[in-house]
Amino acid sequence: MSLSTNTTDSLNMRTVYLLTAVAALGGLLFGYDTAVISGAIGFLKIKFQLSAAMTGWAASSAIIGCIFGAMFAGWASDRFGRKKVLILTAILFAVSAIGAAVPATLTQFALFRFIGGLGIGAASMVSPLYITELAPAKIRGKLVSYYQLAIVIGILIIFFVNTLIQGSGDEAWNIEYGWRYMMASGVLPALLFLVALFFVPESPRWLSKEGRDAEALAVLSSINGVSKANEILQDVKATLHEEQGTLRELFAGRFRKAIFVGIVLSIFSQVQGINAIMYYAPEIFKAVGTGTDAAFQQTVIIGIINVLFTFVAIQWVDKLGRKTLLLFGGAGMGISLLMVGLAFHFGWTGYGLLAFILLYIASFAASYGPVTWVVISEIFPIKMRGIAMSVATFALWVAVYLVTQMFPILLEKAGPAATFWIFGAMSLLAFFFVWSQVPETKERTLEEIEASW
């Protein structure tokens, strides 16, 4: 992307939002590629005659890839740059979409889903990191929240796509062909992301870390104006000079609490059950007697609520703060999970169950959904931000895998009511963790947050 120097010393919001939008496409692919399994899993289960454990494996094979993608993306983004890693993720998305659409066996399907997972895991770490390192401090929370908005828009789009495809044929057609079209549809957004990435610059903070100060200053100037850009660059260089940039410094030094908060918050964002609902929503509704068509339609409603309430977080994350949203949203999730469990226990079906699930989705979308990415993208020091985010994101994807793999088994062994009460207990623990351990970071520069540790 050709960037012109901003000489007005005011924020160039057009450039800010354009760069954010391109990076956030990684989030759209994240949501699209992870949630596509929700429409396919029921047909895959019949096609390959899957047990509960193998159903979990079909849904979670991509998550294994996410774990490895997140594990190596931090090192790769610190070594080669944020932009190059994002380009690689777009390629992985495209390869996975094609391969997962044409498998003859479950093993082949799982292999290509694993490849897509590598891209998801890497993008889930690098996209918010890239946005964070470009964003002006006073609107950083909002801009990183756009990444989560892109995720939920991706989820909503694939819910619509899945519904349209599922309605294009009967059950036999869907078992043989429908799920293949669902998987193949991911090629288009992957190619869009790949092309767009060639028109954006590298992260200025990464450029400065590599000694490429002139390039870093050009990017910062295009966003903040020349004098403010010089001020930011000097702060970045001073901070870099104070750090060694080693993992030992992260785990044993003054940043130890930062990595602790990042890891635990990432885990709590997932063990409250969000992906169990996102990945298995049609199957949940069918389990209480909803027909296949209605189950897919109710899943679309979940996607719409997910998008709408993400705007609540975007509007308030820089005003109320990260911690406040996490506390209120977490309380709403805990209450709604209790009610979902009661609904299954007493047999409340139909719109009552849907209402409780929508309350849960709304609470997550306004809090843990976007705010977790905001917090873990801004609390780590510059020299090790890539690898530190990689560690936190790795923990997040391990939690996603465990929930995705265990959910159908828990439903079978413990029953749906007990399963959702377990998620509710996790919400209670998460509430007390946020209240006692998570710092407030709104309106502080990355360098100020780093100094606070």
Protein backbone atom coordinates (compact mmCIF):
# COMPACT_ATOMS: atom_id res chain seq x y z
CA MET A 1 0.00 0.00 0.00
CA SER A 2 1.32 3.42 -0.86
CA LEU A 3 1.19 5.63 2.20
CA SER A 4 1.37 9.40 1.94
CA THR A 5 2.85 11.36 4.82
CA ASN A 6 0.28 13.00 7.07
CA THR A 7 1.61 16.48 7.79
CA THR A 8 -1.40 17.78 9.74
CA ASP A 9 -0.44 16.21 13.10
CA SER A 10 -3.97 14.86 13.40
CA LEU A 11 -5.11 11.31 13.07
CA ASN A 12 -5.64 10.11 9.51
CA MET A 13 -8.72 8.06 10.28
CA ARG A 14 -9.14 6.90 6.70
CA THR A 15 -5.76 5.18 6.80
CA VAL A 16 -6.38 3.84 10.31
CA TYR A 17 -9.69 2.23 9.37
CA LEU A 18 -8.43 0.93 6.03
CA LEU A 19 -5.47 -0.88 7.61
CA THR A 20 -7.68 -2.18 10.42
CA ALA A 21 -10.24 -3.49 7.94
CA VAL A 22 -7.65 -5.46 5.96
CA ALA A 23 -6.11 -6.99 9.09
CA ALA A 24 -9.57 -7.77 10.45
CA LEU A 25 -10.28 -9.91 7.37
CA GLY A 26 -8.11 -12.47 9.17
CA GLY A 27 -10.79 -12.46 11.85
CA LEU A 28 -13.55 -12.90 9.27
CA LEU A 29 -11.77 -16.00 7.97
CA PHE A 30 -11.25 -17.15 11.57
CA GLY A 31 -15.01 -17.01 12.22
CA TYR A 32 -16.00 -18.36 8.80
CA ASP A 33 -13.63 -21.31 8.84
CA THR A 34 -14.23 -22.39 12.43
CA ALA A 35 -18.04 -22.08 12.32
CA VAL A 36 -18.51 -23.80 8.94
CA ILE A 37 -18.35 -27.09 10.84
CA SER A 38 -21.65 -26.27 12.59
CA GLY A 39 -23.57 -26.87 9.39
CA ALA A 40 -21.54 -29.84 8.24
CA ILE A 41 -21.09 -31.86 11.42
CA GLY A 42 -24.53 -33.51 11.45
CA PHE A 43 -24.14 -34.69 7.85
CA LEU A 44 -20.54 -35.79 8.42
CA LYS A 45 -21.69 -37.83 11.40
CA ILE A 46 -24.08 -39.79 9.16
CA LYS A 47 -21.74 -39.92 6.14
CA PHE A 48 -18.85 -41.45 8.07
CA GLN A 49 -20.97 -43.15 10.81
CA LEU A 50 -19.20 -41.33 13.63
CA SER A 51 -19.34 -42.08 17.34
CA ALA A 52 -19.57 -39.22 19.86
CA ALA A 53 -15.78 -39.19 20.24
CA MET A 54 -15.20 -39.20 16.48
CA THR A 55 -17.81 -36.49 16.02
CA GLY A 56 -15.77 -34.40 18.43
CA TRP A 57 -12.63 -35.22 16.42
CA ALA A 58 -14.26 -34.16 13.13
CA ALA A 59 -15.21 -30.83 14.70
CA SER A 60 -11.94 -30.31 16.58
CA SER A 61 -9.34 -31.43 14.01
CA ALA A 62 -9.07 -27.84 12.82
CA ILE A 63 -8.51 -26.78 16.43
CA ILE A 64 -5.41 -28.98 16.65
CA GLY A 65 -4.08 -27.00 13.72
CA CYS A 66 -5.01 -23.78 15.52
CA ILE A 67 -2.91 -24.84 18.50
CA PHE A 68 0.18 -25.41 16.34
CA GLY A 69 -0.52 -22.31 14.26
CA ALA A 70 -0.68 -20.15 17.37
CA MET A 71 2.41 -21.84 18.78
CA PHE A 72 4.65 -20.96 15.85
CA ALA A 73 3.06 -17.72 14.68
CA GLY A 74 4.62 -15.69 17.50
CA TRP A 75 8.14 -16.74 16.59
CA ALA A 76 7.45 -16.36 12.87
CA SER A 77 5.88 -12.90 13.22
CA ASP A 78 8.81 -11.69 15.34
CA ARG A 79 11.30 -13.17 12.89
CA PHE A 80 9.73 -12.44 9.48
CA GLY A 81 7.17 -9.73 10.23
CA ARG A 82 3.45 -9.59 10.87
CA LYS A 83 2.47 -9.08 7.20
CA LYS A 84 4.31 -12.12 5.79
CA VAL A 85 2.71 -14.42 8.35
CA LEU A 86 -0.76 -13.06 7.50
CA ILE A 87 -0.11 -13.75 3.80
CA LEU A 88 0.78 -17.34 4.67
CA THR A 89 -2.45 -17.72 6.67
CA ALA A 90 -4.53 -16.67 3.66
CA ILE A 91 -2.85 -19.36 1.55
CA LEU A 92 -3.50 -22.00 4.22
CA PHE A 93 -7.18 -20.99 4.38
CA ALA A 94 -7.59 -21.47 0.63
CA VAL A 95 -5.82 -24.85 0.55
CA SER A 96 -7.93 -26.11 3.44
CA ALA A 97 -11.23 -25.02 1.90
CA ILE A 98 -10.52 -26.92 -1.31
CA GLY A 99 -9.08 -30.03 0.36
CA ALA A 100 -11.81 -30.38 3.01
CA ALA A 101 -14.48 -30.27 0.30
CA VAL A 102 -13.28 -33.36 -1.60
CA PRO A 103 -12.15 -36.01 0.93
CA ALA A 104 -12.95 -39.68 0.50
CA THR A 105 -12.30 -40.48 4.18
CA LEU A 106 -12.58 -38.79 7.54
CA THR A 107 -8.77 -38.86 7.84
CA GLN A 108 -8.41 -36.80 4.66
CA PHE A 109 -11.06 -34.39 5.91
CA ALA A 110 -9.30 -33.99 9.26
CA LEU A 111 -5.92 -33.41 7.54
CA PHE A 112 -7.18 -30.49 5.46
CA ARG A 113 -9.09 -29.07 8.42
CA PHE A 114 -5.81 -29.24 10.34
CA ILE A 115 -4.13 -27.21 7.58
CA GLY A 116 -6.88 -24.62 7.81
CA GLY A 117 -6.45 -24.62 11.57
CA LEU A 118 -2.80 -23.65 11.16
CA GLY A 119 -3.99 -20.55 9.36
CA ILE A 120 -6.73 -19.80 11.88
CA GLY A 121 -4.37 -20.14 14.84
CA ALA A 122 -1.75 -17.91 13.27
CA ALA A 123 -4.27 -15.28 12.13
CA SER A 124 -5.97 -15.26 15.53
CA MET A 125 -2.68 -14.11 17.03
CA VAL A 126 -1.17 -11.92 14.32
CA SER A 127 -4.24 -9.98 13.12
CA PRO A 128 -5.06 -8.33 16.49
CA LEU A 129 -1.34 -7.87 17.12
CA TYR A 130 -0.97 -6.01 13.81
CA ILE A 131 -3.97 -3.78 14.59
CA THR A 132 -2.66 -3.06 18.09
CA GLU A 133 0.74 -1.97 16.81
CA LEU A 134 -0.85 0.46 14.34
CA ALA A 135 -3.66 1.83 16.49
CA PRO A 136 -3.61 5.21 18.27
CA ALA A 137 -3.93 4.70 22.04
CA LYS A 138 -7.26 6.47 22.53
CA ILE A 139 -9.14 4.24 20.07
CA ARG A 140 -7.03 1.07 20.28
CA GLY A 141 -9.71 -0.89 22.14
CA LYS A 142 -12.30 -0.01 19.51
CA LEU A 143 -10.01 -0.93 16.62
CA VAL A 144 -9.00 -4.30 18.07
CA SER A 145 -12.68 -4.94 18.79
CA TYR A 146 -13.29 -4.60 15.05
CA TYR A 147 -11.24 -7.79 14.75
CA GLN A 148 -13.81 -9.60 16.90
CA LEU A 149 -16.57 -7.94 14.86
CA ALA A 150 -15.00 -9.46 11.75
CA ILE A 151 -14.96 -12.87 13.48
CA VAL A 152 -18.67 -12.73 14.28
CA ILE A 153 -19.52 -11.39 10.82
CA GLY A 154 -17.62 -14.36 9.39
CA ILE A 155 -19.65 -16.66 11.65
CA LEU A 156 -22.92 -15.01 10.59
CA ILE A 157 -22.03 -15.23 6.88
CA ILE A 158 -21.24 -18.93 7.08
CA PHE A 159 -24.44 -19.56 9.09
CA PHE A 160 -26.35 -17.98 6.18
CA VAL A 161 -24.30 -19.89 3.60
CA ASN A 162 -24.80 -23.18 5.47
CA THR A 163 -28.55 -22.56 5.68
CA LEU A 164 -28.81 -21.79 1.96
CA ILE A 165 -26.79 -24.86 1.02
CA GLN A 166 -28.68 -27.11 3.44
CA GLY A 167 -31.96 -25.94 1.92
CA SER A 168 -30.82 -26.72 -1.62
CA GLY A 169 -31.44 -30.44 -1.35
CA ASP A 170 -32.89 -33.20 0.78
CA GLU A 171 -31.15 -35.06 3.62
CA ALA A 172 -29.49 -37.57 1.28
CA TRP A 173 -28.11 -34.78 -0.92
CA ASN A 174 -26.70 -32.94 2.09
CA ILE A 175 -25.06 -36.09 3.44
CA GLU A 176 -23.31 -36.69 0.12
CA TYR A 177 -22.75 -33.19 -1.28
CA GLY A 178 -24.12 -30.36 0.86
CA TRP A 179 -21.34 -30.31 3.46
CA ARG A 180 -18.75 -30.31 0.65
CA TYR A 181 -20.16 -27.06 -0.75
CA MET A 182 -20.10 -25.59 2.76
CA MET A 183 -16.39 -26.33 3.05
CA ALA A 184 -15.52 -25.15 -0.47
CA SER A 185 -17.22 -21.77 0.06
CA GLY A 186 -14.26 -20.64 2.19
CA VAL A 187 -12.08 -20.20 -0.90
CA LEU A 188 -13.61 -16.82 -1.81
CA PRO A 189 -12.92 -14.93 1.46
CA ALA A 190 -9.44 -16.50 1.60
CA LEU A 191 -8.55 -15.11 -1.82
CA LEU A 192 -9.99 -11.69 -0.88
CA PHE A 193 -7.77 -11.60 2.22
CA LEU A 194 -4.70 -12.68 0.24
CA VAL A 195 -5.09 -9.93 -2.37
CA ALA A 196 -5.83 -7.21 0.21
CA LEU A 197 -2.68 -7.99 2.21
CA PHE A 198 -0.42 -6.93 -0.66
CA PHE A 199 -1.72 -3.35 -0.24
CA VAL A 200 -0.91 -2.79 3.46
CA PRO A 201 2.42 -1.92 5.14
CA GLU A 202 4.34 -3.83 7.78
CA SER A 203 3.80 -3.06 11.48
CA PRO A 204 5.80 0.08 12.43
CA ARG A 205 6.77 -1.31 15.82
CA TRP A 206 8.12 -4.49 14.20
CA LEU A 207 10.02 -2.37 11.66
CA SER A 208 11.59 -0.36 14.49
CA LYS A 209 12.54 -3.55 16.31
CA GLU A 210 14.37 -4.64 13.14
CA GLY A 211 16.22 -1.31 12.91
CA ARG A 212 14.17 -0.07 9.94
CA ASP A 213 13.29 3.25 11.57
CA ALA A 214 12.75 5.22 8.36
CA GLU A 215 10.08 2.77 7.21
CA ALA A 216 8.52 2.71 10.67
CA LEU A 217 8.40 6.51 10.76
CA ALA A 218 6.73 6.62 7.34
CA VAL A 219 3.93 4.30 8.51
CA LEU A 220 3.48 6.15 11.81
CA SER A 221 3.47 9.51 10.02
CA SER A 222 0.76 8.38 7.61
CA ILE A 223 -1.46 7.69 10.62
CA ASN A 224 -0.47 10.20 13.33
CA GLY A 225 1.23 13.10 11.56
CA VAL A 226 4.97 13.80 11.49
CA SER A 227 5.61 15.29 14.94
CA LYS A 228 3.45 12.76 16.80
CA ALA A 229 5.03 9.95 14.78
CA ASN A 230 8.50 11.05 15.87
CA GLU A 231 7.35 11.11 19.49
CA ILE A 232 5.87 7.59 19.23
CA LEU A 233 8.97 6.25 17.53
CA GLN A 234 11.22 7.62 20.27
CA ASP A 235 9.05 5.96 22.93
CA VAL A 236 9.22 2.68 21.03
CA LYS A 237 13.00 2.84 20.70
CA ALA A 238 13.44 3.70 24.38
CA THR A 239 11.25 0.77 25.41
CA LEU A 240 13.09 -1.61 23.10
CA HIS A 241 16.40 -0.52 24.62
CA GLU A 242 15.22 -1.54 28.11
CA GLU A 243 14.14 -5.07 27.09
CA GLN A 244 16.14 -8.20 26.46
CA GLY A 245 13.27 -9.85 24.58
CA THR A 246 13.71 -13.36 25.99
CA LEU A 247 11.12 -15.85 27.19
CA ARG A 248 12.97 -16.05 30.47
CA GLU A 249 12.36 -12.33 30.97
CA LEU A 250 8.68 -12.87 30.25
CA PHE A 251 8.15 -15.75 32.70
CA ALA A 252 10.61 -14.83 35.44
CA GLY A 253 10.89 -11.06 35.35
CA ARG A 254 8.57 -8.16 35.98
CA PHE A 255 6.28 -9.28 33.13
CA ARG A 256 5.41 -12.57 34.81
CA LYS A 257 2.00 -11.31 35.89
CA ALA A 258 1.30 -10.12 32.34
CA ILE A 259 1.76 -13.59 30.87
CA PHE A 260 -0.23 -15.11 33.75
CA VAL A 261 -3.15 -12.75 33.07
CA GLY A 262 -2.90 -13.34 29.32
CA ILE A 263 -2.92 -17.13 29.58
CA VAL A 264 -5.67 -17.46 32.19
CA LEU A 265 -7.95 -14.87 30.56
CA SER A 266 -7.54 -16.65 27.21
CA ILE A 267 -8.54 -19.97 28.77
CA PHE A 268 -11.53 -18.51 30.60
CA SER A 269 -12.78 -16.90 27.37
CA GLN A 270 -13.34 -20.39 25.96
CA VAL A 271 -14.14 -22.78 28.84
CA GLN A 272 -17.43 -20.95 29.40
CA GLY A 273 -18.67 -22.85 26.36
CA ILE A 274 -18.94 -20.34 23.51
CA ASN A 275 -17.59 -22.66 20.83
CA ALA A 276 -19.70 -25.56 22.03
CA ILE A 277 -22.73 -23.48 21.08
CA MET A 278 -21.21 -22.01 17.90
CA TYR A 279 -19.98 -25.33 16.51
CA TYR A 280 -22.92 -27.49 17.58
CA ALA A 281 -25.84 -25.05 17.53
CA PRO A 282 -27.97 -26.89 14.92
CA GLU A 283 -27.38 -30.18 16.73
CA ILE A 284 -28.37 -28.61 20.09
CA PHE A 285 -31.68 -27.40 18.65
CA LYS A 286 -32.34 -30.71 16.88
CA ALA A 287 -31.70 -32.53 20.17
CA VAL A 288 -34.74 -30.82 21.73
CA GLY A 289 -37.04 -31.66 18.86
CA THR A 290 -36.47 -28.76 16.46
CA GLY A 291 -36.58 -29.79 12.79
CA THR A 292 -33.46 -29.48 10.65
CA ASP A 293 -34.69 -26.40 8.73
CA ALA A 294 -35.77 -24.59 11.91
CA ALA A 295 -32.51 -25.56 13.67
CA PHE A 296 -30.46 -23.92 10.93
CA GLN A 297 -32.70 -20.83 10.99
CA GLN A 298 -32.32 -20.47 14.77
CA THR A 299 -28.55 -20.77 14.32
CA VAL A 300 -28.69 -17.76 11.97
CA ILE A 301 -30.47 -15.80 14.72
CA ILE A 302 -27.55 -16.64 17.04
CA GLY A 303 -25.18 -15.23 14.43
CA ILE A 304 -27.18 -12.01 14.13
CA ILE A 305 -27.24 -11.43 17.90
CA ASN A 306 -23.50 -12.17 18.01
CA VAL A 307 -22.84 -9.39 15.50
CA LEU A 308 -25.23 -6.84 17.02
CA PHE A 309 -23.86 -7.10 20.55
CA THR A 310 -20.26 -6.93 19.38
CA PHE A 311 -21.11 -3.33 18.51
CA VAL A 312 -21.86 -2.79 22.21
CA ALA A 313 -18.25 -3.69 23.00
CA ILE A 314 -16.94 -1.50 20.18
CA GLN A 315 -18.93 1.44 21.51
CA TRP A 316 -17.95 1.05 25.19
CA VAL A 317 -14.57 -0.68 25.43
CA ASP A 318 -12.64 2.62 25.37
CA LYS A 319 -15.21 4.41 27.55
CA LEU A 320 -16.20 1.97 30.30
CA GLY A 321 -12.96 0.02 30.01
CA ARG A 322 -11.92 -3.57 29.43
CA LYS A 323 -12.40 -4.81 32.97
CA THR A 324 -15.92 -3.41 33.39
CA LEU A 325 -17.16 -5.08 30.22
CA LEU A 326 -15.61 -8.40 31.24
CA LEU A 327 -17.30 -8.28 34.64
CA PHE A 328 -20.78 -7.37 33.38
CA GLY A 329 -20.62 -9.69 30.40
CA GLY A 330 -19.30 -12.56 32.50
CA ALA A 331 -22.16 -12.17 34.97
CA GLY A 332 -24.66 -12.28 32.11
CA MET A 333 -23.04 -15.43 30.73
CA GLY A 334 -23.16 -17.18 34.09
CA ILE A 335 -26.84 -16.40 34.63
CA SER A 336 -27.82 -17.47 31.11
CA LEU A 337 -25.86 -20.75 31.36
CA LEU A 338 -27.69 -21.54 34.58
CA MET A 339 -30.99 -20.94 32.79
CA VAL A 340 -30.01 -23.01 29.73
CA GLY A 341 -29.21 -25.89 32.09
CA LEU A 342 -32.58 -25.46 33.81
CA ALA A 343 -34.30 -25.38 30.41
CA PHE A 344 -32.83 -28.76 29.51
CA HIS A 345 -33.50 -30.14 33.00
CA PHE A 346 -37.19 -29.23 32.97
CA GLY A 347 -37.75 -29.71 29.24
CA TRP A 348 -38.36 -26.06 28.33
CA THR A 349 -37.91 -26.13 24.57
CA GLY A 350 -38.65 -23.88 21.62
CA TYR A 351 -38.38 -20.13 22.06
CA GLY A 352 -37.62 -20.34 25.80
CA LEU A 353 -34.40 -22.24 25.20
CA LEU A 354 -33.53 -19.97 22.27
CA ALA A 355 -34.01 -16.87 24.47
CA PHE A 356 -31.58 -18.14 27.13
CA ILE A 357 -28.99 -19.06 24.50
CA LEU A 358 -29.35 -15.63 22.88
CA LEU A 359 -28.79 -13.94 26.27
CA TYR A 360 -25.60 -15.96 26.60
CA ILE A 361 -24.44 -15.03 23.09
CA ALA A 362 -25.23 -11.34 23.70
CA SER A 363 -23.26 -11.34 26.95
CA PHE A 364 -20.25 -13.02 25.35
CA ALA A 365 -20.31 -10.77 22.28
CA ALA A 366 -20.31 -7.63 24.45
CA SER A 367 -17.45 -8.81 26.65
CA TYR A 368 -15.15 -11.82 26.38
CA GLY A 369 -15.49 -12.08 22.61
CA PRO A 370 -13.73 -8.83 21.70
CA VAL A 371 -12.21 -7.75 25.01
CA THR A 372 -10.00 -10.83 25.44
CA TRP A 373 -8.26 -10.01 22.15
CA VAL A 374 -7.91 -6.38 23.19
CA VAL A 375 -6.27 -7.23 26.51
CA ILE A 376 -3.86 -9.91 25.30
CA SER A 377 -2.77 -7.78 22.35
CA GLU A 378 -1.78 -4.79 24.50
CA ILE A 379 -0.36 -6.06 27.83
CA PHE A 380 2.93 -7.54 26.58
CA PRO A 381 6.30 -5.77 25.96
CA ILE A 382 7.30 -4.90 22.39
CA LYS A 383 10.36 -7.10 21.94
CA MET A 384 8.49 -10.23 22.95
CA ARG A 385 4.94 -9.24 22.05
CA GLY A 386 4.75 -11.76 19.22
CA ILE A 387 5.94 -14.74 21.23
CA ALA A 388 3.97 -13.68 24.32
CA MET A 389 0.75 -13.40 22.34
CA SER A 390 1.60 -16.74 20.80
CA VAL A 391 1.75 -18.31 24.27
CA ALA A 392 -1.59 -16.77 25.30
CA THR A 393 -3.26 -17.69 22.01
CA PHE A 394 -1.85 -21.21 22.24
CA ALA A 395 -3.56 -21.55 25.64
CA LEU A 396 -6.79 -20.22 24.15
CA TRP A 397 -6.80 -22.80 21.35
CA VAL A 398 -6.00 -25.65 23.73
CA ALA A 399 -9.10 -24.62 25.68
CA VAL A 400 -11.14 -24.44 22.45
CA TYR A 401 -9.99 -27.94 21.51
CA LEU A 402 -10.88 -29.42 24.89
CA VAL A 403 -14.35 -27.86 24.84
CA THR A 404 -15.01 -28.88 21.22
CA GLN A 405 -13.76 -32.44 21.71
CA MET A 406 -15.47 -33.01 25.05
CA PHE A 407 -18.83 -31.34 24.40
CA PRO A 408 -20.52 -34.23 22.51
CA ILE A 409 -19.09 -36.68 25.05
CA LEU A 410 -20.39 -34.61 27.98
CA LEU A 411 -23.80 -34.38 26.34
CA GLU A 412 -23.89 -38.16 26.00
CA LYS A 413 -22.49 -39.06 29.44
CA ALA A 414 -23.63 -36.24 31.75
CA GLY A 415 -26.59 -34.84 29.86
CA PRO A 416 -27.14 -31.32 28.51
CA ALA A 417 -28.27 -29.76 31.80
CA ALA A 418 -25.13 -30.79 33.71
CA THR A 419 -22.94 -29.83 30.73
CA PHE A 420 -24.21 -26.25 30.69
CA TRP A 421 -23.98 -25.99 34.48
CA ILE A 422 -20.30 -26.93 34.22
CA PHE A 423 -19.84 -24.04 31.79
CA GLY A 424 -21.72 -21.82 34.26
CA ALA A 425 -19.30 -22.78 37.04
CA MET A 426 -16.45 -21.69 34.77
CA SER A 427 -18.18 -18.31 34.36
CA LEU A 428 -18.22 -17.86 38.13
CA LEU A 429 -14.50 -18.61 38.39
CA ALA A 430 -13.78 -16.27 35.48
CA PHE A 431 -15.69 -13.44 37.17
CA PHE A 432 -13.54 -13.59 40.30
CA PHE A 433 -10.34 -13.87 38.26
CA VAL A 434 -11.12 -10.73 36.26
CA TRP A 435 -12.19 -8.84 39.37
CA SER A 436 -8.97 -9.67 41.26
CA GLN A 437 -6.26 -9.97 38.57
CA VAL A 438 -6.99 -8.17 35.29
CA PRO A 439 -5.73 -4.54 35.12
CA GLU A 440 -7.56 -1.72 33.37
CA THR A 441 -5.67 -0.55 30.25
CA LYS A 442 -8.01 1.89 28.52
CA GLU A 443 -6.51 5.12 27.09
CA ARG A 444 -2.93 4.11 27.92
CA THR A 445 -0.20 3.76 25.31
CA LEU A 446 1.43 0.39 24.85
CA GLU A 447 4.59 1.79 26.38
CA GLU A 448 2.68 3.07 29.44
CA ILE A 449 1.04 -0.34 29.94
CA GLU A 450 4.44 -2.00 29.70
CA ALA A 451 5.93 0.36 32.29
CA SER A 452 3.04 -0.37 34.69
CA TRP A 453 4.17 -3.98 35.15
